[in-house]
C-alpha atoms as a PDB file:
ATOM      1  CA  MET A   1     -15.342  12.309  -3.228  1.00  0.00           C
ATOM      2  CA  ARG A   2     -15.648  15.990  -2.318  1.00  0.00           C
ATOM      3  CA  ALA A   3     -16.300  15.207   1.338  1.00  0.00           C
ATOM      4  CA  GLY A   4     -13.332  12.834   1.401  1.00  0.00           C
ATOM      5  CA  LYS A   5     -11.068  15.423  -0.176  1.00  0.00           C
ATOM      6  CA  ALA A   6     -12.184  18.060   2.325  1.00  0.00           C
ATOM      7  CA  ALA A   7     -11.614  15.685   5.257  1.00  0.00           C
ATOM      8  CA  TYR A   8      -8.200  14.700   3.893  1.00  0.00           C
ATOM      9  CA  GLU A   9      -7.179  18.356   3.539  1.00  0.00           C
ATOM     10  CA  VAL A  10      -8.257  19.130   7.114  1.00  0.00           C
ATOM     11  CA  GLN A  11      -6.401  16.056   8.300  1.00  0.00           C
ATOM     12  CA  CYS A  12      -3.269  17.176   6.420  1.00  0.00           C
ATOM     13  CA  ASP A  13      -3.411  20.610   8.069  1.00  0.00           C
ATOM     14  CA  ASN A  14      -3.671  18.990  11.508  1.00  0.00           C
ATOM     15  CA  ARG A  15      -0.954  16.476  10.605  1.00  0.00           C
ATOM     16  CA  ASP A  16       1.409  19.283   9.607  1.00  0.00           C
ATOM     17  CA  ARG A  17       0.700  21.192  12.837  1.00  0.00           C
ATOM     18  CA  LEU A  18       1.367  18.087  14.925  1.00  0.00           C
ATOM     19  CA  ALA A  19       4.599  17.311  13.068  1.00  0.00           C
ATOM     20  CA  GLU A  20       5.772  20.896  13.550  1.00  0.00           C
ATOM     21  CA  SER A  21       4.974  20.810  17.258  1.00  0.00           C
ATOM     22  CA  ILE A  22       6.831  17.550  17.792  1.00  0.00           C
ATOM     23  CA  SER A  23       9.784  18.770  15.711  1.00  0.00           C
ATOM     24  CA  LYS A  24      10.096  21.955  17.782  1.00  0.00           C
ATOM     25  CA  ARG A  25       9.792  20.072  21.072  1.00  0.00           C
ATOM     26  CA  ASP A  26      12.098  17.187  20.181  1.00  0.00           C
ATOM     27  CA  PRO A  27      14.269  17.872  17.087  1.00  0.00           C
ATOM     28  CA  GLU A  28      16.310  14.715  17.672  1.00  0.00           C
ATOM     29  CA  LEU A  29      13.229  12.501  17.575  1.00  0.00           C
ATOM     30  CA  ALA A  30      11.930  14.347  14.519  1.00  0.00           C
ATOM     31  CA  GLY A  31      15.257  13.853  12.756  1.00  0.00           C
ATOM     32  CA  SER A  32      15.298  10.122  13.416  1.00  0.00           C
ATOM     33  CA  ALA A  33      11.703   9.298  12.411  1.00  0.00           C
ATOM     34  CA  GLU A  34      11.053   9.150   8.675  1.00  0.00           C
ATOM     35  CA  GLY A  35       7.500  10.065   7.774  1.00  0.00           C
ATOM     36  CA  TYR A  36       4.518  11.334   9.686  1.00  0.00           C
ATOM     37  CA  GLU A  37       3.251   8.036  11.034  1.00  0.00           C
ATOM     38  CA  ARG A  38       6.669   6.959  12.313  1.00  0.00           C
ATOM     39  CA  LEU A  39       7.138  10.365  13.915  1.00  0.00           C
ATOM     40  CA  PHE A  40       3.723  10.284  15.559  1.00  0.00           C
ATOM     41  CA  THR A  41       4.036   6.739  16.891  1.00  0.00           C
ATOM     42  CA  ALA A  42       7.553   7.411  18.212  1.00  0.00           C
ATOM     43  CA  ALA A  43       6.401  10.634  19.889  1.00  0.00           C
ATOM     44  CA  PHE A  44       3.100   9.227  21.180  1.00  0.00           C
ATOM     45  CA  PRO A  45       4.316   8.193  24.661  1.00  0.00           C
ATOM     46  CA  SER A  46       5.818  11.635  25.321  1.00  0.00           C
ATOM     47  CA  MET A  47       3.271  13.880  23.591  1.00  0.00           C
ATOM     48  CA  THR A  48       2.195  17.018  25.371  1.00  0.00           C
ATOM     49  CA  ASP A  49      -1.487  17.465  26.149  1.00  0.00           C
ATOM     50  CA  GLY A  50      -1.894  19.696  23.104  1.00  0.00           C
ATOM     51  CA  GLU A  51      -0.103  17.211  20.842  1.00  0.00           C
ATOM     52  CA  ARG A  52      -2.147  14.327  22.190  1.00  0.00           C
ATOM     53  CA  GLU A  53      -5.333  16.274  21.503  1.00  0.00           C
ATOM     54  CA  LEU A  54      -4.267  17.027  17.937  1.00  0.00           C
ATOM     55  CA  HIS A  55      -3.270  13.385  17.459  1.00  0.00           C
ATOM     56  CA  ALA A  56      -6.732  12.342  18.690  1.00  0.00           C
ATOM     57  CA  ILE A  57      -8.376  14.707  16.200  1.00  0.00           C
ATOM     58  CA  ILE A  58      -6.314  13.251  13.346  1.00  0.00           C
ATOM     59  CA  ARG A  59      -7.152   9.722  14.435  1.00  0.00           C
ATOM     60  CA  THR A  60     -10.840  10.596  14.801  1.00  0.00           C
ATOM     61  CA  ILE A  61     -10.934  11.977  11.252  1.00  0.00           C
ATOM     62  CA  THR A  62      -9.427   8.689  10.062  1.00  0.00           C
ATOM     63  CA  VAL A  63     -11.875   6.561  12.052  1.00  0.00           C
ATOM     64  CA  ASN A  64     -15.102   8.558  11.896  1.00  0.00           C
ATOM     65  CA  THR A  65     -14.842  10.446   8.617  1.00  0.00           C
ATOM     66  CA  LEU A  66     -12.415   8.867   6.154  1.00  0.00           C
ATOM     67  CA  ARG A  67     -13.276   5.271   6.961  1.00  0.00           C
ATOM     68  CA  PRO A  68     -17.064   5.668   6.509  1.00  0.00           C
ATOM     69  CA  LEU A  69     -16.576   7.752   3.373  1.00  0.00           C
ATOM     70  CA  ASN A  70     -14.153   5.179   1.962  1.00  0.00           C
ATOM     71  CA  GLU A  71     -16.548   2.358   2.849  1.00  0.00           C
ATOM     72  CA  SER A  72     -19.458   4.014   1.062  1.00  0.00           C
ATOM     73  CA  LEU A  73     -17.326   4.808  -1.977  1.00  0.00           C
ATOM     74  CA  LEU A  74     -16.014   1.251  -2.114  1.00  0.00           C
ATOM     75  CA  LYS A  75     -19.567  -0.095  -1.825  1.00  0.00           C
ATOM     76  CA  ARG A  76     -20.620   2.078  -4.753  1.00  0.00           C
ATOM     77  CA  LEU A  77     -17.647   0.931  -6.828  1.00  0.00           C
ATOM     78  CA  ARG A  78     -18.352  -2.728  -6.054  1.00  0.00           C
ATOM     79  CA  GLU A  79     -21.967  -2.297  -7.188  1.00  0.00           C
ATOM     80  CA  ASP A  80     -20.997  -0.549 -10.423  1.00  0.00           C
ATOM     81  CA  THR A  81     -21.610  -2.526 -13.579  1.00  0.00           C
ATOM     82  CA  TYR A  82     -21.396   0.248 -16.163  1.00  0.00           C
ATOM     83  CA  PHE A  83     -17.806   1.384 -15.655  1.00  0.00           C
ATOM     84  CA  LYS A  84     -16.477  -2.093 -14.909  1.00  0.00           C
ATOM     85  CA  ALA A  85     -17.641  -3.089 -18.383  1.00  0.00           C
ATOM     86  CA  ARG A  86     -15.707  -0.191 -20.008  1.00  0.00           C
ATOM     87  CA  THR A  87     -12.362  -1.985 -20.254  1.00  0.00           C
ATOM     88  CA  TRP A  88     -11.588  -0.877 -23.811  1.00  0.00           C
ATOM     89  CA  GLY A  89     -11.773   2.225 -25.944  1.00  0.00           C
ATOM     90  CA  SER A  90     -10.860   5.834 -25.450  1.00  0.00           C
ATOM     91  CA  GLY A  91     -12.400   9.080 -24.356  1.00  0.00           C
ATOM     92  CA  PRO A  92     -13.746  10.328 -21.041  1.00  0.00           C
ATOM     93  CA  SER A  93     -15.778   7.208 -20.163  1.00  0.00           C
ATOM     94  CA  PHE A  94     -12.824   4.903 -20.676  1.00  0.00           C
ATOM     95  CA  LEU A  95     -10.511   7.205 -18.701  1.00  0.00           C
ATOM     96  CA  VAL A  96     -12.957   7.414 -15.792  1.00  0.00           C
ATOM     97  CA  ALA A  97     -13.455   3.625 -15.885  1.00  0.00           C
ATOM     98  CA  ARG A  98      -9.697   3.112 -15.544  1.00  0.00           C
ATOM     99  CA  ARG A  99      -9.446   5.696 -12.790  1.00  0.00           C
ATOM    100  CA  LEU A 100     -12.355   4.128 -10.879  1.00  0.00           C
ATOM    101  CA  ALA A 101     -10.620   0.739 -11.080  1.00  0.00           C
ATOM    102  CA  ASP A 102      -7.507   2.398  -9.619  1.00  0.00           C
ATOM    103  CA  LEU A 103      -9.645   3.950  -6.890  1.00  0.00           C
ATOM    104  CA  GLU A 104     -11.199   0.591  -6.049  1.00  0.00           C
ATOM    105  CA  ALA A 105      -7.736  -0.965  -5.679  1.00  0.00           C
ATOM    106  CA  HIS A 106      -6.656   1.920  -3.451  1.00  0.00           C
ATOM    107  CA  LEU A 107      -9.739   1.615  -1.248  1.00  0.00           C
ATOM    108  CA  LEU A 108      -9.398  -2.154  -0.865  1.00  0.00           C
ATOM    109  CA  LEU A 109      -5.784  -1.746   0.259  1.00  0.00           C
ATOM    110  CA  TRP A 110      -6.673   1.237   2.469  1.00  0.00           C
ATOM    111  CA  HIS A 111      -9.264  -0.842   4.335  1.00  0.00           C
ATOM    112  CA  ALA A 112      -6.824  -3.736   4.748  1.00  0.00           C
ATOM    113  CA  LYS A 113      -4.201  -1.450   6.270  1.00  0.00           C
ATOM    114  CA  TYR A 114      -6.815   0.288   8.413  1.00  0.00           C
ATOM    115  CA  ALA A 115      -7.925  -3.072   9.861  1.00  0.00           C
ATOM    116  CA  ILE A 116      -4.448  -3.929  11.122  1.00  0.00           C
ATOM    117  CA  TRP A 117      -3.175  -0.414  11.735  1.00  0.00           C
ATOM    118  CA  ILE A 118      -5.871   1.496  13.632  1.00  0.00           C
ATOM    119  CA  PRO A 119      -8.309  -0.451  15.891  1.00  0.00           C
ATOM    120  CA  ASP A 120      -5.843  -1.897  18.407  1.00  0.00           C
ATOM    121  CA  ASN A 121      -3.050   0.661  18.008  1.00  0.00           C
ATOM    122  CA  PRO A 122      -3.899   4.008  19.652  1.00  0.00           C
ATOM    123  CA  ALA A 123      -0.515   5.462  18.645  1.00  0.00           C
ATOM    124  CA  HIS A 124      -1.483   5.164  14.967  1.00  0.00           C
ATOM    125  CA  SER A 125      -3.560   7.949  13.489  1.00  0.00           C
ATOM    126  CA  LEU A 126      -2.986   7.979   9.721  1.00  0.00           C
ATOM    127  CA  VAL A 127      -3.606   5.395   7.016  1.00  0.00           C
ATOM    128  CA  TYR A 128      -1.397   6.249   4.065  1.00  0.00           C
ATOM    129  CA  LEU A 129      -0.484   3.839   1.309  1.00  0.00           C
ATOM    130  CA  ALA A 130       1.778   5.711  -1.113  1.00  0.00           C
ATOM    131  CA  ASP A 131       4.185   7.182   1.416  1.00  0.00           C
ATOM    132  CA  GLU A 132       7.700   6.293   2.566  1.00  0.00           C
ATOM    133  CA  GLU A 133       6.387   2.924   3.793  1.00  0.00           C
ATOM    134  CA  GLU A 134       5.004   2.047   0.339  1.00  0.00           C
ATOM    135  CA  HIS A 135       2.223  -0.138   1.754  1.00  0.00           C
ATOM    136  CA  GLY A 136       0.045   0.200  -1.337  1.00  0.00           C
ATOM    137  CA  VAL A 137      -1.156   2.354  -4.189  1.00  0.00           C
ATOM    138  CA  GLY A 138      -2.111   5.960  -3.639  1.00  0.00           C
ATOM    139  CA  PHE A 139      -5.386   7.693  -4.238  1.00  0.00           C
ATOM    140  CA  PRO A 140      -5.621   8.349  -7.988  1.00  0.00           C
ATOM    141  CA  ALA A 141      -4.678  12.023  -8.240  1.00  0.00           C
ATOM    142  CA  GLY A 142      -7.001  14.069 -10.396  1.00  0.00           C
ATOM    143  CA  ILE A 143      -9.868  11.571 -10.418  1.00  0.00           C
ATOM    144  CA  GLU A 144     -12.295  14.252  -9.235  1.00  0.00           C
ATOM    145  CA  ARG A 145     -11.426  16.351 -12.296  1.00  0.00           C
ATOM    146  CA  ASP A 146     -11.855  13.370 -14.631  1.00  0.00           C
ATOM    147  CA  VAL A 147     -15.299  12.550 -13.222  1.00  0.00           C
ATOM    148  CA  GLU A 148     -16.343  16.200 -13.409  1.00  0.00           C
ATOM    149  CA  GLN A 149     -15.234  16.432 -17.056  1.00  0.00           C
ATOM    150  CA  LEU A 150     -17.159  13.271 -17.915  1.00  0.00           C
ATOM    151  CA  LEU A 151     -20.304  14.582 -16.249  1.00  0.00           C
ATOM    152  CA  LYS A 152     -19.996  17.916 -18.033  1.00  0.00           C
ATOM    153  CA  ALA A 153     -19.559  16.129 -21.375  1.00  0.00           C
ATOM    154  CA  ARG A 154     -22.594  13.926 -20.675  1.00  0.00           C
ATOM    155  CA  TRP A 155     -24.766  16.898 -19.767  1.00  0.00           C
ATOM    156  CA  GLY A 156     -23.399  19.151 -22.507  1.00  0.00           C
ATOM    157  CA  ILE A 157     -21.960  21.706 -20.101  1.00  0.00           C
ATOM    158  CA  SER A 158     -18.976  23.684 -21.344  1.00  0.00           C
ATOM    159  CA  GLY A 159     -16.178  25.094 -19.217  1.00  0.00           C
END
């Protein structure tokens, strides 16, 4: 999850830089396109060399970093038997079990959107679910913290 979070943060920085560049170059286009992906796909045919390069970096992070990380995380979640059996109760284990179920749903939907959105569409670079398009459920915010707290409780680590 740490590698995925780091990749997502780098992708967000690049995304913001690309959106800013397009907005400065073509304010009318930027004003008419709601959301990053709509802006990027609308601007794709007229992107400058620098914008096209940044778009390619964003797309490459999606294809070569986020997708493999999401695949390996989904594989691990599918193989899990301990947390899937924790469907009742309270406390850190129950909370993490619920959050992992949310993560599995997110990853399944992310891969479905990726399959239709990215391979044959070079103008697409991002796979977001809980954005203005509302194509699915978002990544469960704070799950990293919940897992860390559970691990600390299991190992008797304070702080």
